[in-house]
């Protein structure tokens, strides 16, 4: 059974119990359950290029300002197909949130074409779901 509760403050802790009532009387209260009100995180900051060689691509980004009331789990790094390829984005790396630096280096095993312009974006994930994507950079 679900009971939607509106008006909760993101990041705040709440405690709930359940109790049944009928014409015979009141049942016992359930054990208390604690929750934290959470939502999806905000978008990460626009990524920046750290390094680009034939061997690897390195990009960095900052955490979203709004974490959604819970910790961030992972980041999805996405790239388009380049100026001569597909304009749809593909996830090329899943980065576990270490709680410190937010960057990744991606081995250049992708079919990169010299001279093509590639566009990157980052999506933050928490227990609730995915953020909207960061602004892109090329």
N, C-alpha and C. Protein backbone atom coordinates (compact mmCIF):
# COMPACT_ATOMS: atom_id res chain seq x y z
N UNK A 1 0.84 -1.15 0.00
CA UNK A 1 0.00 0.00 0.00
C UNK A 1 0.90 1.23 0.00
N UNK A 2 0.50 2.25 -0.75
CA UNK A 2 1.24 3.50 -0.80
C UNK A 2 0.41 4.62 -0.21
N UNK A 3 1.10 5.54 0.40
CA UNK A 3 0.44 6.73 0.92
C UNK A 3 1.30 7.92 0.57
N UNK A 4 0.92 8.66 -0.49
CA UNK A 4 1.72 9.82 -0.86
C UNK A 4 1.63 10.91 0.21
N UNK A 5 2.76 11.53 0.50
CA UNK A 5 2.82 12.61 1.47
C UNK A 5 3.49 13.80 0.80
N UNK A 6 2.77 14.87 0.60
CA UNK A 6 3.34 16.05 -0.03
C UNK A 6 3.83 17.03 1.04
N UNK A 7 4.56 18.03 0.59
CA UNK A 7 5.02 19.08 1.48
C UNK A 7 6.26 18.75 2.28
N UNK A 8 6.96 17.65 1.93
CA UNK A 8 8.18 17.30 2.65
C UNK A 8 9.34 18.17 2.17
N UNK A 9 10.25 18.44 3.05
CA UNK A 9 11.42 19.25 2.72
C UNK A 9 12.56 18.34 2.29
N UNK A 10 13.10 18.58 1.09
CA UNK A 10 14.20 17.77 0.58
C UNK A 10 15.38 17.82 1.55
N UNK A 11 15.90 16.66 1.87
CA UNK A 11 17.04 16.55 2.77
C UNK A 11 16.66 16.39 4.23
N UNK A 12 15.38 16.58 4.55
CA UNK A 12 14.93 16.45 5.95
C UNK A 12 14.59 14.99 6.26
N UNK A 13 14.79 14.61 7.52
CA UNK A 13 14.45 13.27 7.98
C UNK A 13 13.02 13.27 8.53
N UNK A 14 12.30 12.18 8.26
CA UNK A 14 10.93 12.02 8.75
C UNK A 14 10.77 10.62 9.31
N UNK A 15 9.90 10.49 10.28
CA UNK A 15 9.59 9.19 10.87
C UNK A 15 8.11 8.91 10.69
N UNK A 16 7.79 7.68 10.33
CA UNK A 16 6.41 7.29 10.09
C UNK A 16 6.09 6.00 10.83
N UNK A 17 4.83 5.88 11.25
CA UNK A 17 4.29 4.64 11.78
C UNK A 17 2.94 4.42 11.11
N UNK A 18 2.46 3.20 11.18
CA UNK A 18 1.15 2.85 10.61
C UNK A 18 0.33 2.19 11.71
N UNK A 19 -0.95 2.51 11.73
CA UNK A 19 -1.85 1.91 12.70
C UNK A 19 -3.20 1.68 12.02
N UNK A 20 -3.77 0.50 12.23
CA UNK A 20 -5.06 0.15 11.64
C UNK A 20 -6.19 0.47 12.62
N UNK A 21 -7.31 0.89 12.07
CA UNK A 21 -8.52 1.16 12.85
C UNK A 21 -9.69 0.45 12.18
N UNK A 22 -10.59 -0.12 12.99
CA UNK A 22 -11.85 -0.64 12.46
C UNK A 22 -12.92 -0.49 13.55
N UNK A 23 -14.12 -1.05 13.32
CA UNK A 23 -15.22 -0.84 14.28
C UNK A 23 -14.97 -1.53 15.62
N UNK A 24 -14.08 -2.50 15.64
CA UNK A 24 -13.78 -3.18 16.89
C UNK A 24 -12.79 -2.39 17.74
N UNK A 25 -11.93 -1.63 17.09
CA UNK A 25 -10.96 -0.84 17.85
C UNK A 25 -9.70 -0.55 17.07
N UNK A 26 -8.74 -0.05 17.81
CA UNK A 26 -7.46 0.33 17.21
C UNK A 26 -6.47 -0.82 17.31
N UNK A 27 -5.74 -1.05 16.23
CA UNK A 27 -4.66 -2.02 16.25
C UNK A 27 -3.40 -1.39 16.80
N UNK A 28 -2.39 -2.21 17.02
CA UNK A 28 -1.11 -1.67 17.52
C UNK A 28 -0.40 -0.87 16.42
N UNK A 29 0.42 0.07 16.84
CA UNK A 29 1.22 0.82 15.88
C UNK A 29 2.35 -0.05 15.35
N UNK A 30 2.70 0.17 14.11
CA UNK A 30 3.84 -0.54 13.52
C UNK A 30 5.14 0.01 14.09
N UNK A 31 6.21 -0.66 13.79
CA UNK A 31 7.52 -0.12 14.13
C UNK A 31 7.73 1.16 13.34
N UNK A 32 8.52 2.04 13.91
CA UNK A 32 8.80 3.32 13.27
C UNK A 32 9.77 3.13 12.11
N UNK A 33 9.51 3.83 11.01
CA UNK A 33 10.38 3.81 9.84
C UNK A 33 10.88 5.23 9.61
N UNK A 34 12.18 5.38 9.45
CA UNK A 34 12.77 6.69 9.18
C UNK A 34 13.13 6.80 7.71
N UNK A 35 12.89 7.97 7.14
CA UNK A 35 13.24 8.22 5.74
C UNK A 35 13.86 9.61 5.64
N UNK A 36 14.54 9.83 4.55
CA UNK A 36 15.00 11.17 4.21
C UNK A 36 14.31 11.53 2.90
N UNK A 37 13.71 12.70 2.87
CA UNK A 37 13.03 13.15 1.66
C UNK A 37 14.08 13.49 0.61
N UNK A 38 13.99 12.87 -0.54
CA UNK A 38 15.01 13.08 -1.57
C UNK A 38 14.36 13.26 -2.93
N UNK A 39 15.12 13.83 -3.83
CA UNK A 39 14.71 14.01 -5.21
C UNK A 39 15.95 13.81 -6.08
N UNK A 40 15.80 13.85 -7.39
CA UNK A 40 16.97 13.70 -8.26
C UNK A 40 17.89 14.90 -8.07
N UNK A 41 19.18 14.72 -8.29
CA UNK A 41 20.11 15.84 -8.13
C UNK A 41 19.95 16.86 -9.25
N UNK A 42 20.50 18.04 -9.02
CA UNK A 42 20.58 19.03 -10.08
C UNK A 42 21.64 18.62 -11.09
N UNK A 43 21.76 19.41 -12.14
CA UNK A 43 22.75 19.11 -13.18
C UNK A 43 24.16 19.42 -12.70
N UNK A 44 25.14 18.58 -13.05
CA UNK A 44 26.53 18.92 -12.75
C UNK A 44 26.94 20.17 -13.54
N UNK A 45 28.05 20.77 -13.11
CA UNK A 45 28.59 21.90 -13.85
C UNK A 45 29.12 21.44 -15.21
N UNK A 46 29.27 22.39 -16.12
CA UNK A 46 29.78 22.06 -17.45
C UNK A 46 31.16 21.41 -17.35
N UNK A 47 31.35 20.27 -18.00
CA UNK A 47 32.66 19.62 -17.95
C UNK A 47 33.72 20.46 -18.68
N UNK A 48 34.97 20.22 -18.32
CA UNK A 48 36.10 20.86 -18.99
C UNK A 48 37.09 19.80 -19.41
N UNK A 49 37.84 20.11 -20.45
CA UNK A 49 38.83 19.18 -20.96
C UNK A 49 40.11 19.28 -20.14
N UNK A 50 40.61 18.15 -19.67
CA UNK A 50 41.89 18.10 -18.97
C UNK A 50 43.02 17.75 -19.92
N UNK A 51 42.75 16.75 -20.77
CA UNK A 51 43.77 16.27 -21.70
C UNK A 51 43.09 15.52 -22.83
N UNK A 52 43.67 15.61 -24.01
CA UNK A 52 43.18 14.83 -25.15
C UNK A 52 44.39 14.40 -25.96
N UNK A 53 44.62 13.10 -26.01
CA UNK A 53 45.72 12.53 -26.79
C UNK A 53 45.15 11.37 -27.59
N UNK A 54 46.02 10.73 -28.34
CA UNK A 54 45.59 9.53 -29.06
C UNK A 54 45.27 8.39 -28.10
N UNK A 55 45.85 8.46 -26.88
CA UNK A 55 45.68 7.37 -25.92
C UNK A 55 44.50 7.56 -24.96
N UNK A 56 44.17 8.84 -24.65
CA UNK A 56 43.09 9.04 -23.69
C UNK A 56 42.49 10.43 -23.79
N UNK A 57 41.30 10.52 -23.21
CA UNK A 57 40.59 11.79 -23.07
C UNK A 57 40.35 11.96 -21.58
N UNK A 58 40.67 13.13 -21.05
CA UNK A 58 40.41 13.41 -19.63
C UNK A 58 39.50 14.61 -19.50
N UNK A 59 38.41 14.45 -18.74
CA UNK A 59 37.51 15.57 -18.50
C UNK A 59 37.22 15.67 -17.00
N UNK A 60 36.87 16.88 -16.56
CA UNK A 60 36.54 17.14 -15.16
C UNK A 60 35.25 17.93 -15.09
N UNK A 61 34.57 17.87 -13.94
CA UNK A 61 33.34 18.61 -13.71
C UNK A 61 33.16 18.82 -12.23
N UNK A 62 32.26 19.71 -11.87
CA UNK A 62 31.93 19.93 -10.46
C UNK A 62 30.58 19.30 -10.16
N UNK A 63 30.43 18.89 -8.89
CA UNK A 63 29.14 18.33 -8.45
C UNK A 63 28.02 19.33 -8.68
N UNK A 64 26.80 18.82 -8.78
CA UNK A 64 25.65 19.73 -8.83
C UNK A 64 25.56 20.54 -7.53
N UNK A 65 25.01 21.72 -7.61
CA UNK A 65 24.77 22.51 -6.40
C UNK A 65 23.73 21.82 -5.54
N UNK A 66 22.67 21.30 -6.15
CA UNK A 66 21.60 20.61 -5.44
C UNK A 66 21.82 19.10 -5.58
N UNK A 67 22.07 18.44 -4.45
CA UNK A 67 22.34 17.00 -4.47
C UNK A 67 21.07 16.16 -4.38
N UNK A 68 19.94 16.78 -4.15
CA UNK A 68 18.68 16.05 -4.07
C UNK A 68 18.39 15.51 -2.68
N UNK A 69 19.13 15.97 -1.67
CA UNK A 69 18.86 15.53 -0.30
C UNK A 69 19.52 14.23 0.07
N UNK A 70 20.36 13.69 -0.79
CA UNK A 70 21.05 12.45 -0.51
C UNK A 70 22.41 12.49 -1.20
N UNK A 71 23.24 11.49 -1.01
CA UNK A 71 24.55 11.49 -1.64
C UNK A 71 24.45 11.11 -3.11
N UNK A 72 25.43 11.55 -3.87
CA UNK A 72 25.51 11.16 -5.28
C UNK A 72 26.17 9.79 -5.35
N UNK A 73 25.64 8.94 -6.22
CA UNK A 73 26.19 7.60 -6.38
C UNK A 73 27.21 7.54 -7.51
N UNK A 74 26.78 7.95 -8.69
CA UNK A 74 27.62 7.83 -9.88
C UNK A 74 27.39 9.02 -10.81
N UNK A 75 28.29 9.12 -11.77
CA UNK A 75 28.17 10.09 -12.85
C UNK A 75 28.25 9.33 -14.17
N UNK A 76 27.42 9.70 -15.11
CA UNK A 76 27.49 9.13 -16.46
C UNK A 76 28.14 10.17 -17.35
N UNK A 77 29.22 9.80 -18.02
CA UNK A 77 29.89 10.69 -18.97
C UNK A 77 29.42 10.26 -20.35
N UNK A 78 28.88 11.22 -21.09
CA UNK A 78 28.32 10.90 -22.40
C UNK A 78 29.02 11.71 -23.49
N UNK A 79 29.11 11.12 -24.69
CA UNK A 79 29.77 11.75 -25.82
C UNK A 79 28.92 11.53 -27.07
N UNK A 80 28.90 12.52 -27.94
CA UNK A 80 28.21 12.34 -29.22
C UNK A 80 29.16 11.68 -30.21
N UNK A 81 28.68 11.46 -31.41
CA UNK A 81 29.47 10.74 -32.42
C UNK A 81 30.48 11.57 -33.17
N UNK A 82 30.67 12.83 -32.81
CA UNK A 82 31.62 13.69 -33.51
C UNK A 82 30.99 14.37 -34.71
N UNK A 83 31.71 15.31 -35.27
CA UNK A 83 31.13 16.11 -36.35
C UNK A 83 30.86 15.30 -37.61
N UNK A 84 31.47 14.12 -37.75
CA UNK A 84 31.18 13.29 -38.93
C UNK A 84 30.33 12.08 -38.57
N UNK A 85 29.83 12.05 -37.33
CA UNK A 85 29.06 10.88 -36.90
C UNK A 85 27.70 11.24 -36.36
N UNK A 86 27.19 10.39 -35.50
CA UNK A 86 25.86 10.53 -34.92
C UNK A 86 25.82 11.71 -33.95
N UNK A 87 24.69 12.39 -33.92
CA UNK A 87 24.51 13.49 -32.96
C UNK A 87 23.87 13.01 -31.67
N UNK A 88 23.56 11.72 -31.57
CA UNK A 88 23.01 11.21 -30.31
C UNK A 88 24.16 10.91 -29.35
N UNK A 89 23.87 11.03 -28.05
CA UNK A 89 24.88 10.83 -27.03
C UNK A 89 24.87 9.39 -26.55
N UNK A 90 26.07 8.88 -26.27
CA UNK A 90 26.26 7.54 -25.77
C UNK A 90 27.07 7.62 -24.48
N UNK A 91 26.71 6.82 -23.48
CA UNK A 91 27.48 6.78 -22.24
C UNK A 91 28.80 6.07 -22.51
N UNK A 92 29.90 6.78 -22.25
CA UNK A 92 31.23 6.20 -22.49
C UNK A 92 31.95 5.88 -21.19
N UNK A 93 31.42 6.37 -20.06
CA UNK A 93 32.04 6.05 -18.77
C UNK A 93 31.00 6.21 -17.67
N UNK A 94 31.05 5.31 -16.70
CA UNK A 94 30.27 5.43 -15.47
C UNK A 94 31.28 5.58 -14.35
N UNK A 95 31.21 6.73 -13.66
CA UNK A 95 32.21 7.07 -12.65
C UNK A 95 31.56 7.02 -11.28
N UNK A 96 32.08 6.17 -10.40
CA UNK A 96 31.57 6.10 -9.03
C UNK A 96 31.99 7.36 -8.28
N UNK A 97 31.05 7.95 -7.56
CA UNK A 97 31.34 9.16 -6.81
C UNK A 97 32.28 8.82 -5.66
N UNK A 98 33.45 9.44 -5.67
CA UNK A 98 34.44 9.18 -4.62
C UNK A 98 34.29 10.17 -3.47
N UNK A 99 33.49 11.22 -3.68
CA UNK A 99 33.33 12.23 -2.65
C UNK A 99 34.42 13.28 -2.69
N UNK A 100 35.38 13.12 -3.60
CA UNK A 100 36.44 14.13 -3.71
C UNK A 100 36.44 14.69 -5.13
N UNK A 101 37.43 14.34 -5.92
CA UNK A 101 37.54 14.89 -7.26
C UNK A 101 36.52 14.25 -8.20
N UNK A 102 36.01 15.05 -9.12
CA UNK A 102 35.08 14.54 -10.11
C UNK A 102 35.70 14.73 -11.49
N UNK A 103 36.37 13.70 -11.92
CA UNK A 103 36.99 13.69 -13.23
C UNK A 103 37.12 12.25 -13.67
N UNK A 104 37.40 12.08 -14.94
CA UNK A 104 37.67 10.73 -15.43
C UNK A 104 38.59 10.82 -16.62
N UNK A 105 39.34 9.77 -16.82
CA UNK A 105 40.11 9.62 -18.05
C UNK A 105 39.55 8.42 -18.77
N UNK A 106 39.31 8.60 -20.03
CA UNK A 106 38.70 7.55 -20.84
C UNK A 106 39.73 7.09 -21.86
N UNK A 107 40.10 5.82 -21.85
CA UNK A 107 41.04 5.35 -22.87
C UNK A 107 40.45 5.59 -24.26
N UNK A 108 41.27 6.04 -25.15
CA UNK A 108 40.80 6.36 -26.50
C UNK A 108 40.64 5.10 -27.33
N UNK A 109 39.83 4.18 -26.85
CA UNK A 109 39.52 2.97 -27.60
C UNK A 109 38.29 3.19 -28.46
N UNK A 110 37.70 4.39 -28.31
CA UNK A 110 36.54 4.74 -29.12
C UNK A 110 37.01 5.05 -30.54
N UNK A 111 36.14 4.92 -31.50
CA UNK A 111 36.55 5.23 -32.88
C UNK A 111 36.60 6.75 -33.11
N UNK A 112 37.64 7.40 -32.58
CA UNK A 112 37.79 8.84 -32.72
C UNK A 112 38.45 9.17 -34.06
N UNK A 113 37.99 10.25 -34.67
CA UNK A 113 38.53 10.69 -35.95
C UNK A 113 39.28 11.99 -35.73
N UNK A 114 40.53 12.04 -36.12
CA UNK A 114 41.35 13.24 -35.99
C UNK A 114 40.66 14.39 -36.74
N UNK A 115 40.53 15.51 -36.07
CA UNK A 115 39.91 16.69 -36.68
C UNK A 115 38.42 16.81 -36.40
N UNK A 116 37.78 15.73 -35.97
CA UNK A 116 36.36 15.80 -35.62
C UNK A 116 36.20 16.55 -34.30
N UNK A 117 35.05 17.18 -34.13
CA UNK A 117 34.72 17.85 -32.87
C UNK A 117 33.72 16.96 -32.13
N UNK A 118 34.05 16.61 -30.89
CA UNK A 118 33.20 15.76 -30.07
C UNK A 118 32.59 16.59 -28.95
N UNK A 119 31.38 16.27 -28.57
CA UNK A 119 30.68 17.00 -27.52
C UNK A 119 30.44 16.05 -26.34
N UNK A 120 30.68 16.57 -25.12
CA UNK A 120 30.55 15.78 -23.90
C UNK A 120 29.53 16.42 -22.96
N UNK A 121 28.92 15.59 -22.14
CA UNK A 121 28.06 16.06 -21.05
C UNK A 121 28.11 15.03 -19.94
N UNK A 122 27.67 15.46 -18.73
CA UNK A 122 27.71 14.59 -17.55
C UNK A 122 26.34 14.58 -16.89
N UNK A 123 25.92 13.42 -16.41
CA UNK A 123 24.66 13.25 -15.69
C UNK A 123 25.00 12.69 -14.31
N UNK A 124 24.45 13.31 -13.26
CA UNK A 124 24.65 12.83 -11.89
C UNK A 124 23.52 11.87 -11.53
N UNK A 125 23.83 10.86 -10.72
CA UNK A 125 22.83 9.90 -10.28
C UNK A 125 22.86 9.77 -8.77
N UNK A 126 21.66 9.70 -8.17
CA UNK A 126 21.55 9.35 -6.76
C UNK A 126 20.52 8.24 -6.64
N UNK A 127 20.14 7.88 -5.45
CA UNK A 127 19.22 6.77 -5.22
C UNK A 127 17.85 7.00 -5.87
N UNK A 128 17.47 8.26 -6.09
CA UNK A 128 16.18 8.57 -6.68
C UNK A 128 16.20 8.46 -8.19
N UNK A 129 17.31 8.89 -8.82
CA UNK A 129 17.36 8.82 -10.28
C UNK A 129 18.43 9.72 -10.87
N UNK A 130 18.24 10.05 -12.16
CA UNK A 130 19.21 10.82 -12.93
C UNK A 130 18.88 12.30 -12.93
N UNK A 131 19.94 13.12 -12.89
CA UNK A 131 19.78 14.56 -13.04
C UNK A 131 19.55 14.87 -14.52
N UNK A 132 19.20 16.11 -14.79
CA UNK A 132 19.27 16.55 -16.18
C UNK A 132 20.75 16.66 -16.49
N UNK A 133 21.10 16.67 -17.75
CA UNK A 133 22.49 16.68 -18.14
C UNK A 133 23.13 18.05 -17.89
N UNK A 134 24.44 18.00 -17.67
CA UNK A 134 25.21 19.24 -17.55
C UNK A 134 25.15 19.99 -18.88
N UNK A 135 25.53 21.26 -18.87
CA UNK A 135 25.74 21.91 -20.16
C UNK A 135 26.83 21.14 -20.91
N UNK A 136 26.77 21.12 -22.21
CA UNK A 136 27.76 20.38 -23.00
C UNK A 136 29.01 21.21 -23.22
N UNK A 137 30.08 20.53 -23.58
CA UNK A 137 31.28 21.21 -24.05
C UNK A 137 31.86 20.41 -25.20
N UNK A 138 32.52 21.10 -26.09
CA UNK A 138 33.13 20.46 -27.27
C UNK A 138 34.61 20.76 -27.31
